[in-house]
Amino acid sequence: MSLPQLDQFNYHHTLEETTGPALACFTSPACGSCKAFRSALERFTGLWTDVSVFEVDAQMNPALVNELGFFHLPSLYLYNNGEFHCELQPQPSVESIRRSIDKALGEPATEAP
């Protein structure tokens, strides 16, 4: 199973139109941690259908990476009903990702990057 891909041309539009929680995970093909997160997110999508999950290849989308201004991979952003909510930093496991989402949604949104 592969995650739906976003790029610098459809990132904002797709996430703005996504109802409910959505994760955008920025990865790179050569990043070992990214591979672990991708695998965990693929398992997550099979168990939790209430959260939309997308992947962005940071290497292929430098304009979007520069716009958002992050410096580490993987980077995981949580959106809720089309609005940026926060950056998440869970462990690469289904349980940790779910706990992080639930905890974050119980708190006020942070400012978008």
PDB file of N, CA and C in Angstrom:
ATOM      1  N   MET A   1       0.844  -1.177   0.000  1.00  0.00           N
ATOM      2  CA  MET A   1       0.000   0.000   0.000  1.00  0.00           C
ATOM      3  C   MET A   1       0.887   1.236   0.000  1.00  0.00           C
ATOM      4  N   SER A   2       0.577   2.188  -0.847  1.00  0.00           N
ATOM      5  CA  SER A   2       1.332   3.435  -0.827  1.00  0.00           C
ATOM      6  C   SER A   2       0.400   4.571  -0.436  1.00  0.00           C
ATOM      7  N   LEU A   3       0.964   5.601   0.117  1.00  0.00           N
ATOM      8  CA  LEU A   3       0.200   6.748   0.571  1.00  0.00           C
ATOM      9  C   LEU A   3      -0.078   7.679  -0.600  1.00  0.00           C
ATOM     10  N   PRO A   4      -1.234   8.354  -0.614  1.00  0.00           N
ATOM     11  CA  PRO A   4      -1.498   9.353  -1.651  1.00  0.00           C
ATOM     12  C   PRO A   4      -0.440  10.448  -1.598  1.00  0.00           C
ATOM     13  N   GLN A   5       0.034  10.863  -2.751  1.00  0.00           N
ATOM     14  CA  GLN A   5       1.105  11.841  -2.844  1.00  0.00           C
ATOM     15  C   GLN A   5       0.556  13.257  -3.053  1.00  0.00           C
ATOM     16  N   LEU A   6       1.169  14.205  -2.354  1.00  0.00           N
ATOM     17  CA  LEU A   6       0.896  15.618  -2.580  1.00  0.00           C
ATOM     18  C   LEU A   6       2.164  16.261  -3.097  1.00  0.00           C
ATOM     19  N   ASP A   7       2.003  17.357  -3.825  1.00  0.00           N
ATOM     20  CA  ASP A   7       3.159  18.117  -4.289  1.00  0.00           C
ATOM     21  C   ASP A   7       2.889  19.605  -4.094  1.00  0.00           C
ATOM     22  N   GLN A   8       3.838  20.424  -4.503  1.00  0.00           N
ATOM     23  CA  GLN A   8       3.723  21.859  -4.270  1.00  0.00           C
ATOM     24  C   GLN A   8       2.554  22.482  -5.021  1.00  0.00           C
ATOM     25  N   PHE A   9       2.002  21.769  -5.994  1.00  0.00           N
ATOM     26  CA  PHE A   9       0.901  22.315  -6.776  1.00  0.00           C
ATOM     27  C   PHE A   9      -0.468  21.965  -6.206  1.00  0.00           C
ATOM     28  N   ASN A  10      -0.585  20.860  -5.475  1.00  0.00           N
ATOM     29  CA  ASN A  10      -1.896  20.471  -4.953  1.00  0.00           C
ATOM     30  C   ASN A  10      -1.949  20.389  -3.421  1.00  0.00           C
ATOM     31  N   TYR A  11      -0.848  20.658  -2.752  1.00  0.00           N
ATOM     32  CA  TYR A  11      -0.765  20.518  -1.293  1.00  0.00           C
ATOM     33  C   TYR A  11      -1.859  21.312  -0.571  1.00  0.00           C
ATOM     34  N   HIS A  12      -1.845  22.625  -0.731  1.00  0.00           N
ATOM     35  CA  HIS A  12      -2.774  23.480   0.014  1.00  0.00           C
ATOM     36  C   HIS A  12      -4.221  23.200  -0.385  1.00  0.00           C
ATOM     37  N   HIS A  13      -4.466  23.099  -1.662  1.00  0.00           N
ATOM     38  CA  HIS A  13      -5.823  22.875  -2.159  1.00  0.00           C
ATOM     39  C   HIS A  13      -6.397  21.562  -1.609  1.00  0.00           C
ATOM     40  N   THR A  14      -5.628  20.493  -1.689  1.00  0.00           N
ATOM     41  CA  THR A  14      -6.111  19.186  -1.217  1.00  0.00           C
ATOM     42  C   THR A  14      -6.389  19.209   0.277  1.00  0.00           C
ATOM     43  N   LEU A  15      -5.470  19.739   1.054  1.00  0.00           N
ATOM     44  CA  LEU A  15      -5.660  19.749   2.509  1.00  0.00           C
ATOM     45  C   LEU A  15      -6.800  20.677   2.927  1.00  0.00           C
ATOM     46  N   GLU A  16      -6.988  21.803   2.239  1.00  0.00           N
ATOM     47  CA  GLU A  16      -8.094  22.710   2.551  1.00  0.00           C
ATOM     48  C   GLU A  16      -9.440  22.037   2.317  1.00  0.00           C
ATOM     49  N   GLU A  17      -9.501  21.115   1.375  1.00  0.00           N
ATOM     50  CA  GLU A  17     -10.760  20.454   1.050  1.00  0.00           C
ATOM     51  C   GLU A  17     -10.956  19.116   1.774  1.00  0.00           C
ATOM     52  N   THR A  18     -10.031  18.754   2.624  1.00  0.00           N
ATOM     53  CA  THR A  18     -10.128  17.484   3.349  1.00  0.00           C
ATOM     54  C   THR A  18     -10.903  17.688   4.649  1.00  0.00           C
ATOM     55  N   THR A  19     -11.973  16.936   4.798  1.00  0.00           N
ATOM     56  CA  THR A  19     -12.802  17.004   6.001  1.00  0.00           C
ATOM     57  C   THR A  19     -12.196  16.122   7.089  1.00  0.00           C
ATOM     58  N   GLY A  20     -12.222  16.624   8.322  1.00  0.00           N
ATOM     59  CA  GLY A  20     -11.687  15.867   9.448  1.00  0.00           C
ATOM     60  C   GLY A  20     -10.178  15.987   9.533  1.00  0.00           C
ATOM     61  N   PRO A  21      -9.559  15.154  10.373  1.00  0.00           N
ATOM     62  CA  PRO A  21      -8.114  15.208  10.537  1.00  0.00           C
ATOM     63  C   PRO A  21      -7.385  14.686   9.296  1.00  0.00           C
ATOM     64  N   ALA A  22      -6.258  15.312   9.007  1.00  0.00           N
ATOM     65  CA  ALA A  22      -5.405  14.882   7.893  1.00  0.00           C
ATOM     66  C   ALA A  22      -3.950  15.067   8.292  1.00  0.00           C
ATOM     67  N   LEU A  23      -3.124  14.102   7.901  1.00  0.00           N
ATOM     68  CA  LEU A  23      -1.685  14.174   8.143  1.00  0.00           C
ATOM     69  C   LEU A  23      -0.975  14.370   6.820  1.00  0.00           C
ATOM     70  N   ALA A  24       0.008  15.253   6.825  1.00  0.00           N
ATOM     71  CA  ALA A  24       0.902  15.419   5.686  1.00  0.00           C
ATOM     72  C   ALA A  24       2.302  15.082   6.180  1.00  0.00           C
ATOM     73  N   CYS A  25       2.874  14.022   5.633  1.00  0.00           N
ATOM     74  CA  CYS A  25       4.191  13.562   6.064  1.00  0.00           C
ATOM     75  C   CYS A  25       5.211  13.874   4.981  1.00  0.00           C
ATOM     76  N   PHE A  26       6.182  14.706   5.309  1.00  0.00           N
ATOM     77  CA  PHE A  26       7.256  15.059   4.385  1.00  0.00           C
ATOM     78  C   PHE A  26       8.387  14.061   4.551  1.00  0.00           C
ATOM     79  N   THR A  27       8.773  13.442   3.447  1.00  0.00           N
ATOM     80  CA  THR A  27       9.791  12.397   3.472  1.00  0.00           C
ATOM     81  C   THR A  27      10.791  12.627   2.356  1.00  0.00           C
ATOM     82  N   SER A  28      11.798  11.765   2.324  1.00  0.00           N
ATOM     83  CA  SER A  28      12.784  11.733   1.249  1.00  0.00           C
ATOM     84  C   SER A  28      13.159  10.273   1.016  1.00  0.00           C
ATOM     85  N   PRO A  29      13.368   9.884  -0.233  1.00  0.00           N
ATOM     86  CA  PRO A  29      13.662   8.478  -0.527  1.00  0.00           C
ATOM     87  C   PRO A  29      14.896   7.921   0.198  1.00  0.00           C
ATOM     88  N   ALA A  30      15.895   8.744   0.454  1.00  0.00           N
ATOM     89  CA  ALA A  30      17.134   8.266   1.055  1.00  0.00           C
ATOM     90  C   ALA A  30      17.132   8.321   2.585  1.00  0.00           C
ATOM     91  N   CYS A  31      16.036   8.727   3.177  1.00  0.00           N
ATOM     92  CA  CYS A  31      15.952   8.939   4.624  1.00  0.00           C
ATOM     93  C   CYS A  31      15.449   7.671   5.314  1.00  0.00           C
ATOM     94  N   GLY A  32      16.275   7.058   6.164  1.00  0.00           N
ATOM     95  CA  GLY A  32      15.890   5.845   6.879  1.00  0.00           C
ATOM     96  C   GLY A  32      14.729   6.064   7.826  1.00  0.00           C
ATOM     97  N   SER A  33      14.731   7.172   8.560  1.00  0.00           N
ATOM     98  CA  SER A  33      13.622   7.477   9.467  1.00  0.00           C
ATOM     99  C   SER A  33      12.325   7.672   8.701  1.00  0.00           C
ATOM    100  N   CYS A  34      12.440   8.244   7.512  1.00  0.00           N
ATOM    101  CA  CYS A  34      11.258   8.455   6.667  1.00  0.00           C
ATOM    102  C   CYS A  34      10.639   7.120   6.266  1.00  0.00           C
ATOM    103  N   LYS A  35      11.471   6.145   5.965  1.00  0.00           N
ATOM    104  CA  LYS A  35      10.968   4.819   5.593  1.00  0.00           C
ATOM    105  C   LYS A  35      10.208   4.193   6.753  1.00  0.00           C
ATOM    106  N   ALA A  36      10.703   4.356   7.968  1.00  0.00           N
ATOM    107  CA  ALA A  36      10.018   3.824   9.147  1.00  0.00           C
ATOM    108  C   ALA A  36       8.672   4.517   9.337  1.00  0.00           C
ATOM    109  N   PHE A  37       8.636   5.830   9.152  1.00  0.00           N
ATOM    110  CA  PHE A  37       7.375   6.560   9.296  1.00  0.00           C
ATOM    111  C   PHE A  37       6.397   6.187   8.189  1.00  0.00           C
ATOM    112  N   ARG A  38       6.883   6.068   6.978  1.00  0.00           N
ATOM    113  CA  ARG A  38       6.019   5.684   5.860  1.00  0.00           C
ATOM    114  C   ARG A  38       5.357   4.336   6.144  1.00  0.00           C
ATOM    115  N   SER A  39       6.139   3.386   6.625  1.00  0.00           N
ATOM    116  CA  SER A  39       5.612   2.066   6.950  1.00  0.00           C
ATOM    117  C   SER A  39       4.562   2.153   8.055  1.00  0.00           C
ATOM    118  N   ALA A  40       4.841   2.908   9.107  1.00  0.00           N
ATOM    119  CA  ALA A  40       3.878   3.072  10.206  1.00  0.00           C
ATOM    120  C   ALA A  40       2.606   3.756   9.718  1.00  0.00           C
ATOM    121  N   LEU A  41       2.747   4.756   8.863  1.00  0.00           N
ATOM    122  CA  LEU A  41       1.575   5.458   8.349  1.00  0.00           C
ATOM    123  C   LEU A  41       0.742   4.574   7.428  1.00  0.00           C
ATOM    124  N   GLU A  42       1.399   3.720   6.674  1.00  0.00           N
ATOM    125  CA  GLU A  42       0.657   2.782   5.827  1.00  0.00           C
ATOM    126  C   GLU A  42      -0.172   1.820   6.691  1.00  0.00           C
ATOM    127  N   ARG A  43       0.412   1.335   7.780  1.00  0.00           N
ATOM    128  CA  ARG A  43      -0.339   0.477   8.709  1.00  0.00           C
ATOM    129  C   ARG A  43      -1.455   1.270   9.387  1.00  0.00           C
ATOM    130  N   PHE A  44      -1.152   2.512   9.732  1.00  0.00           N
ATOM    131  CA  PHE A  44      -2.131   3.391  10.387  1.00  0.00           C
ATOM    132  C   PHE A  44      -3.368   3.565   9.505  1.00  0.00           C
ATOM    133  N   THR A  45      -3.171   3.812   8.211  1.00  0.00           N
ATOM    134  CA  THR A  45      -4.310   4.048   7.321  1.00  0.00           C
ATOM    135  C   THR A  45      -5.193   2.809   7.198  1.00  0.00           C
ATOM    136  N   GLY A  46      -4.627   1.637   7.377  1.00  0.00           N
ATOM    137  CA  GLY A  46      -5.419   0.419   7.342  1.00  0.00           C
ATOM    138  C   GLY A  46      -6.280   0.228   8.576  1.00  0.00           C
ATOM    139  N   LEU A  47      -5.888   0.869   9.684  1.00  0.00           N
ATOM    140  CA  LEU A  47      -6.612   0.711  10.945  1.00  0.00           C
ATOM    141  C   LEU A  47      -7.523   1.890  11.277  1.00  0.00           C
ATOM    142  N   TRP A  48      -7.127   3.079  10.880  1.00  0.00           N
ATOM    143  CA  TRP A  48      -7.843   4.297  11.268  1.00  0.00           C
ATOM    144  C   TRP A  48      -8.280   5.055  10.023  1.00  0.00           C
ATOM    145  N   THR A  49      -9.470   4.786   9.562  1.00  0.00           N
ATOM    146  CA  THR A  49      -9.955   5.415   8.331  1.00  0.00           C
ATOM    147  C   THR A  49     -10.506   6.820   8.559  1.00  0.00           C
ATOM    148  N   ASP A  50     -10.581   7.276   9.817  1.00  0.00           N
ATOM    149  CA  ASP A  50     -11.100   8.613  10.097  1.00  0.00           C
ATOM    150  C   ASP A  50     -10.059   9.707   9.889  1.00  0.00           C
ATOM    151  N   VAL A  51      -8.820   9.338   9.590  1.00  0.00           N
ATOM    152  CA  VAL A  51      -7.742  10.296   9.371  1.00  0.00           C
ATOM    153  C   VAL A  51      -7.190  10.093   7.961  1.00  0.00           C
ATOM    154  N   SER A  52      -7.185  11.177   7.177  1.00  0.00           N
ATOM    155  CA  SER A  52      -6.582  11.119   5.843  1.00  0.00           C
ATOM    156  C   SER A  52      -5.074  11.279   5.990  1.00  0.00           C
ATOM    157  N   VAL A  53      -4.324  10.488   5.245  1.00  0.00           N
ATOM    158  CA  VAL A  53      -2.864  10.529   5.342  1.00  0.00           C
ATOM    159  C   VAL A  53      -2.279  10.735   3.947  1.00  0.00           C
ATOM    160  N   PHE A  54      -1.373  11.712   3.837  1.00  0.00           N
ATOM    161  CA  PHE A  54      -0.719  12.038   2.574  1.00  0.00           C
ATOM    162  C   PHE A  54       0.791  12.072   2.775  1.00  0.00           C
ATOM    163  N   GLU A  55       1.513  11.837   1.701  1.00  0.00           N
ATOM    164  CA  GLU A  55       2.971  11.913   1.727  1.00  0.00           C
ATOM    165  C   GLU A  55       3.431  12.968   0.735  1.00  0.00           C
ATOM    166  N   VAL A  56       4.486  13.682   1.102  1.00  0.00           N
ATOM    167  CA  VAL A  56       5.104  14.676   0.228  1.00  0.00           C
ATOM    168  C   VAL A  56       6.583  14.353   0.135  1.00  0.00           C
ATOM    169  N   ASP A  57       7.082  14.192  -1.073  1.00  0.00           N
ATOM    170  CA  ASP A  57       8.512  13.971  -1.291  1.00  0.00           C
ATOM    171  C   ASP A  57       9.197  15.334  -1.204  1.00  0.00           C
ATOM    172  N   ALA A  58       9.885  15.575  -0.102  1.00  0.00           N
ATOM    173  CA  ALA A  58      10.526  16.870   0.132  1.00  0.00           C
ATOM    174  C   ALA A  58      11.596  17.171  -0.915  1.00  0.00           C
ATOM    175  N   GLN A  59      12.261  16.150  -1.373  1.00  0.00           N
ATOM    176  CA  GLN A  59      13.321  16.330  -2.367  1.00  0.00           C
ATOM    177  C   GLN A  59      12.763  16.843  -3.697  1.00  0.00           C
ATOM    178  N   MET A  60      11.554  16.414  -4.043  1.00  0.00           N
ATOM    179  CA  MET A  60      10.941  16.810  -5.312  1.00  0.00           C
ATOM    180  C   MET A  60      10.113  18.093  -5.196  1.00  0.00           C
ATOM    181  N   ASN A  61       9.957  18.617  -3.991  1.00  0.00           N
ATOM    182  CA  ASN A  61       9.115  19.795  -3.764  1.00  0.00           C
ATOM    183  C   ASN A  61       9.821  20.850  -2.917  1.00  0.00           C
ATOM    184  N   PRO A  62      10.981  21.330  -3.382  1.00  0.00           N
ATOM    185  CA  PRO A  62      11.750  22.277  -2.560  1.00  0.00           C
ATOM    186  C   PRO A  62      11.024  23.597  -2.307  1.00  0.00           C
ATOM    187  N   ALA A  63      10.184  24.044  -3.232  1.00  0.00           N
ATOM    188  CA  ALA A  63       9.462  25.299  -3.007  1.00  0.00           C
ATOM    189  C   ALA A  63       8.516  25.175  -1.815  1.00  0.00           C
ATOM    190  N   LEU A  64       7.856  24.045  -1.694  1.00  0.00           N
ATOM    191  CA  LEU A  64       6.942  23.818  -0.572  1.00  0.00           C
ATOM    192  C   LEU A  64       7.719  23.679   0.733  1.00  0.00           C
ATOM    193  N   VAL A  65       8.837  22.984   0.694  1.00  0.00           N
ATOM    194  CA  VAL A  65       9.690  22.846   1.878  1.00  0.00           C
ATOM    195  C   VAL A  65      10.157  24.226   2.339  1.00  0.00           C
ATOM    196  N   ASN A  66      10.588  25.067   1.404  1.00  0.00           N
ATOM    197  CA  ASN A  66      11.029  26.423   1.764  1.00  0.00           C
ATOM    198  C   ASN A  66       9.882  27.253   2.321  1.00  0.00           C
ATOM    199  N   GLU A  67       8.703  27.115   1.734  1.00  0.00           N
ATOM    200  CA  GLU A  67       7.538  27.860   2.202  1.00  0.00           C
ATOM    201  C   GLU A  67       7.202  27.503   3.645  1.00  0.00           C
ATOM    202  N   LEU A  68       7.237  26.218   3.966  1.00  0.00           N
ATOM    203  CA  LEU A  68       6.871  25.771   5.309  1.00  0.00           C
ATOM    204  C   LEU A  68       8.012  25.921   6.307  1.00  0.00           C
ATOM    205  N   GLY A  69       9.232  25.984   5.809  1.00  0.00           N
ATOM    206  CA  GLY A  69      10.380  26.318   6.636  1.00  0.00           C
ATOM    207  C   GLY A  69      10.799  25.289   7.670  1.00  0.00           C
ATOM    208  N   PHE A  70      10.688  24.016   7.369  1.00  0.00           N
ATOM    209  CA  PHE A  70      11.159  23.015   8.328  1.00  0.00           C
ATOM    210  C   PHE A  70      12.549  22.530   7.932  1.00  0.00           C
ATOM    211  N   PHE A  71      13.235  21.908   8.917  1.00  0.00           N
ATOM    212  CA  PHE A  71      14.639  21.556   8.704  1.00  0.00           C
ATOM    213  C   PHE A  71      14.955  20.089   8.942  1.00  0.00           C
ATOM    214  N   HIS A  72      13.972  19.271   9.254  1.00  0.00           N
ATOM    215  CA  HIS A  72      14.254  17.866   9.523  1.00  0.00           C
ATOM    216  C   HIS A  72      13.217  16.980   8.828  1.00  0.00           C
ATOM    217  N   LEU A  73      13.648  15.789   8.533  1.00  0.00           N
ATOM    218  CA  LEU A  73      12.756  14.793   7.939  1.00  0.00           C
ATOM    219  C   LEU A  73      12.770  13.555   8.823  1.00  0.00           C
ATOM    220  N   PRO A  74      11.688  12.873   8.936  1.00  0.00           N
ATOM    221  CA  PRO A  74      10.389  13.252   8.395  1.00  0.00           C
ATOM    222  C   PRO A  74       9.765  14.364   9.230  1.00  0.00           C
ATOM    223  N   SER A  75       8.921  15.156   8.587  1.00  0.00           N
ATOM    224  CA  SER A  75       8.113  16.164   9.275  1.00  0.00           C
ATOM    225  C   SER A  75       6.658  15.802   9.062  1.00  0.00           C
ATOM    226  N   LEU A  76       5.888  15.854  10.126  1.00  0.00           N
ATOM    227  CA  LEU A  76       4.501  15.403  10.093  1.00  0.00           C
ATOM    228  C   LEU A  76       3.607  16.549  10.557  1.00  0.00           C
ATOM    229  N   TYR A  77       2.747  17.012   9.649  1.00  0.00           N
ATOM    230  CA  TYR A  77       1.847  18.123   9.950  1.00  0.00           C
ATOM    231  C   TYR A  77       0.420  17.618  10.053  1.00  0.00           C
ATOM    232  N   LEU A  78      -0.285  18.079  11.080  1.00  0.00           N
ATOM    233  CA  LEU A  78      -1.673  17.726  11.297  1.00  0.00           C
ATOM    234  C   LEU A  78      -2.564  18.883  10.875  1.00  0.00           C
ATOM    235  N   TYR A  79      -3.556  18.576  10.065  1.00  0.00           N
ATOM    236  CA  TYR A  79      -4.588  19.523   9.651  1.00  0.00           C
ATOM    237  C   TYR A  79      -5.918  18.997  10.182  1.00  0.00           C
ATOM    238  N   ASN A  80      -6.858  19.905  10.403  1.00  0.00           N
ATOM    239  CA  ASN A  80      -8.187  19.483  10.833  1.00  0.00           C
ATOM    240  C   ASN A  80      -9.221  20.344  10.116  1.00  0.00           C
ATOM    241  N   ASN A  81     -10.089  19.686   9.362  1.00  0.00           N
ATOM    242  CA  ASN A  81     -11.111  20.376   8.571  1.00  0.00           C
ATOM    243  C   ASN A  81     -10.521  21.489   7.717  1.00  0.00           C
ATOM    244  N   GLY A  82      -9.411  21.186   7.068  1.00  0.00           N
ATOM    245  CA  GLY A  82      -8.797  22.112   6.120  1.00  0.00           C
ATOM    246  C   GLY A  82      -7.875  23.152   6.697  1.00  0.00           C
ATOM    247  N   GLU A  83      -7.736  23.187   8.017  1.00  0.00           N
ATOM    248  CA  GLU A  83      -6.893  24.184   8.668  1.00  0.00           C
ATOM    249  C   GLU A  83      -5.682  23.522   9.306  1.00  0.00           C
ATOM    250  N   PHE A  84      -4.524  24.177   9.208  1.00  0.00           N
ATOM    251  CA  PHE A  84      -3.331  23.685   9.896  1.00  0.00           C
ATOM    252  C   PHE A  84      -3.617  23.644  11.391  1.00  0.00           C
ATOM    253  N   HIS A  85      -3.214  22.551  12.051  1.00  0.00           N
ATOM    254  CA  HIS A  85      -3.408  22.433  13.491  1.00  0.00           C
ATOM    255  C   HIS A  85      -2.077  22.488  14.236  1.00  0.00           C
ATOM    256  N   CYS A  86      -1.116  21.629  13.834  1.00  0.00           N
ATOM    257  CA  CYS A  86       0.183  21.642  14.495  1.00  0.00           C
ATOM    258  C   CYS A  86       1.133  20.663  13.798  1.00  0.00           C
ATOM    259  N   GLU A  87       2.379  20.731  14.191  1.00  0.00           N
ATOM    260  CA  GLU A  87       3.357  19.719  13.778  1.00  0.00           C
ATOM    261  C   GLU A  87       3.356  18.639  14.856  1.00  0.00           C
ATOM    262  N   LEU A  88       3.399  17.392  14.422  1.00  0.00           N
ATOM    263  CA  LEU A  88       3.460  16.268  15.352  1.00  0.00           C
ATOM    264  C   LEU A  88       4.857  15.666  15.347  1.00  0.00           C
ATOM    265  N   GLN A  89       5.253  15.088  16.479  1.00  0.00           N
ATOM    266  CA  GLN A  89       6.542  14.418  16.560  1.00  0.00           C
ATOM    267  C   GLN A  89       6.406  13.079  17.296  1.00  0.00           C
ATOM    268  N   PRO A  90       5.539  12.199  16.783  1.00  0.00           N
ATOM    269  CA  PRO A  90       5.371  10.890  17.432  1.00  0.00           C
ATOM    270  C   PRO A  90       6.491   9.934  17.064  1.00  0.00           C
ATOM    271  N   GLN A  91       6.531   8.818  17.757  1.00  0.00           N
ATOM    272  CA  GLN A  91       7.405   7.716  17.368  1.00  0.00           C
ATOM    273  C   GLN A  91       6.788   7.068  16.123  1.00  0.00           C
ATOM    274  N   PRO A  92       7.574   6.366  15.321  1.00  0.00           N
ATOM    275  CA  PRO A  92       7.020   5.736  14.116  1.00  0.00           C
ATOM    276  C   PRO A  92       6.272   4.433  14.414  1.00  0.00           C
ATOM    277  N   SER A  93       5.177   4.570  15.164  1.00  0.00           N
ATOM    278  CA  SER A  93       4.324   3.417  15.447  1.00  0.00           C
ATOM    279  C   SER A  93       2.871   3.857  15.342  1.00  0.00           C
ATOM    280  N   VAL A  94       2.012   2.918  14.998  1.00  0.00           N
ATOM    281  CA  VAL A  94       0.589   3.216  14.850  1.00  0.00           C
ATOM    282  C   VAL A  94       0.028   3.808  16.139  1.00  0.00           C
ATOM    283  N   GLU A  95       0.355   3.211  17.257  1.00  0.00           N
ATOM    284  CA  GLU A  95      -0.169   3.664  18.548  1.00  0.00           C
ATOM    285  C   GLU A  95       0.300   5.070  18.893  1.00  0.00           C
ATOM    286  N   SER A  96       1.572   5.349  18.677  1.00  0.00           N
ATOM    287  CA  SER A  96       2.124   6.668  18.985  1.00  0.00           C
ATOM    288  C   SER A  96       1.518   7.739  18.075  1.00  0.00           C
ATOM    289  N   ILE A  97       1.329   7.423  16.822  1.00  0.00           N
ATOM    290  CA  ILE A  97       0.720   8.374  15.888  1.00  0.00           C
ATOM    291  C   ILE A  97      -0.708   8.683  16.334  1.00  0.00           C
ATOM    292  N   ARG A  98      -1.483   7.660  16.674  1.00  0.00           N
ATOM    293  CA  ARG A  98      -2.876   7.860  17.103  1.00  0.00           C
ATOM    294  C   ARG A  98      -2.936   8.697  18.367  1.00  0.00           C
ATOM    295  N   ARG A  99      -2.095   8.372  19.357  1.00  0.00           N
ATOM    296  CA  ARG A  99      -2.077   9.147  20.609  1.00  0.00           C
ATOM    297  C   ARG A  99      -1.725  10.608  20.345  1.00  0.00           C
ATOM    298  N   SER A 100      -0.754  10.842  19.480  1.00  0.00           N
ATOM    299  CA  SER A 100      -0.331  12.213  19.166  1.00  0.00           C
ATOM    300  C   SER A 100      -1.452  13.009  18.513  1.00  0.00           C
ATOM    301  N   ILE A 101      -2.175  12.367  17.590  1.00  0.00           N
ATOM    302  CA  ILE A 101      -3.294  13.043  16.929  1.00  0.00           C
ATOM    303  C   ILE A 101      -4.375  13.385  17.949  1.00  0.00           C
ATOM    304  N   ASP A 102      -4.769  12.407  18.743  1.00  0.00           N
ATOM    305  CA  ASP A 102      -5.832  12.624  19.725  1.00  0.00           C
ATOM    306  C   ASP A 102      -5.459  13.725  20.717  1.00  0.00           C
ATOM    307  N   LYS A 103      -4.226  13.696  21.198  1.00  0.00           N
ATOM    308  CA  LYS A 103      -3.768  14.720  22.152  1.00  0.00           C
ATOM    309  C   LYS A 103      -3.768  16.094  21.495  1.00  0.00           C
ATOM    310  N   ALA A 104      -3.239  16.193  20.281  1.00  0.00           N
ATOM    311  CA  ALA A 104      -3.148  17.477  19.587  1.00  0.00           C
ATOM    312  C   ALA A 104      -4.525  18.064  19.307  1.00  0.00           C
ATOM    313  N   LEU A 105      -5.474  17.220  18.902  1.00  0.00           N
ATOM    314  CA  LEU A 105      -6.810  17.723  18.594  1.00  0.00           C
ATOM    315  C   LEU A 105      -7.558  18.187  19.842  1.00  0.00           C
ATOM    316  N   GLY A 106      -7.097  17.772  21.005  1.00  0.00           N
ATOM    317  CA  GLY A 106      -7.683  18.229  22.260  1.00  0.00           C
ATOM    318  C   GLY A 106      -7.121  19.558  22.723  1.00  0.00           C
ATOM    319  N   GLU A 107      -6.156  20.081  22.008  1.00  0.00           N
ATOM    320  CA  GLU A 107      -5.515  21.346  22.353  1.00  0.00           C
ATOM    321  C   GLU A 107      -5.782  22.373  21.261  1.00  0.00           C
ATOM    322  N   PRO A 108      -5.621  23.657  21.567  1.00  0.00           N
ATOM    323  CA  PRO A 108      -5.829  24.673  20.530  1.00  0.00           C
ATOM    324  C   PRO A 108      -4.819  24.540  19.393  1.00  0.00           C
ATOM    325  N   ALA A 109      -5.223  24.951  18.213  1.00  0.00           N
ATOM    326  CA  ALA A 109      -4.342  24.917  17.040  1.00  0.00           C
ATOM    327  C   ALA A 109      -3.196  25.912  17.235  1.00  0.00           C
ATOM    328  N   THR A 110      -2.068  25.594  16.617  1.00  0.00           N
ATOM    329  CA  THR A 110      -0.922  26.501  16.630  1.00  0.00           C
ATOM    330  C   THR A 110      -0.916  27.303  15.325  1.00  0.00           C
ATOM    331  N   GLU A 111      -0.063  28.277  15.272  1.00  0.00           N
ATOM    332  CA  GLU A 111       0.041  29.113  14.069  1.00  0.00           C
ATOM    333  C   GLU A 111       0.653  28.302  12.928  1.00  0.00           C
ATOM    334  N   ALA A 112       0.113  28.476  11.748  1.00  0.00           N
ATOM    335  CA  ALA A 112       0.625  27.763  10.570  1.00  0.00           C
ATOM    336  C   ALA A 112       2.048  28.208  10.267  1.00  0.00           C
ATOM    337  N   PRO A 113       2.856  27.268   9.764  1.00  0.00           N
ATOM    338  CA  PRO A 113       4.239  27.636   9.423  1.00  0.00           C
ATOM    339  C   PRO A 113       4.280  28.610   8.259  1.00  0.00           C
TER     340      PRO A 113
END
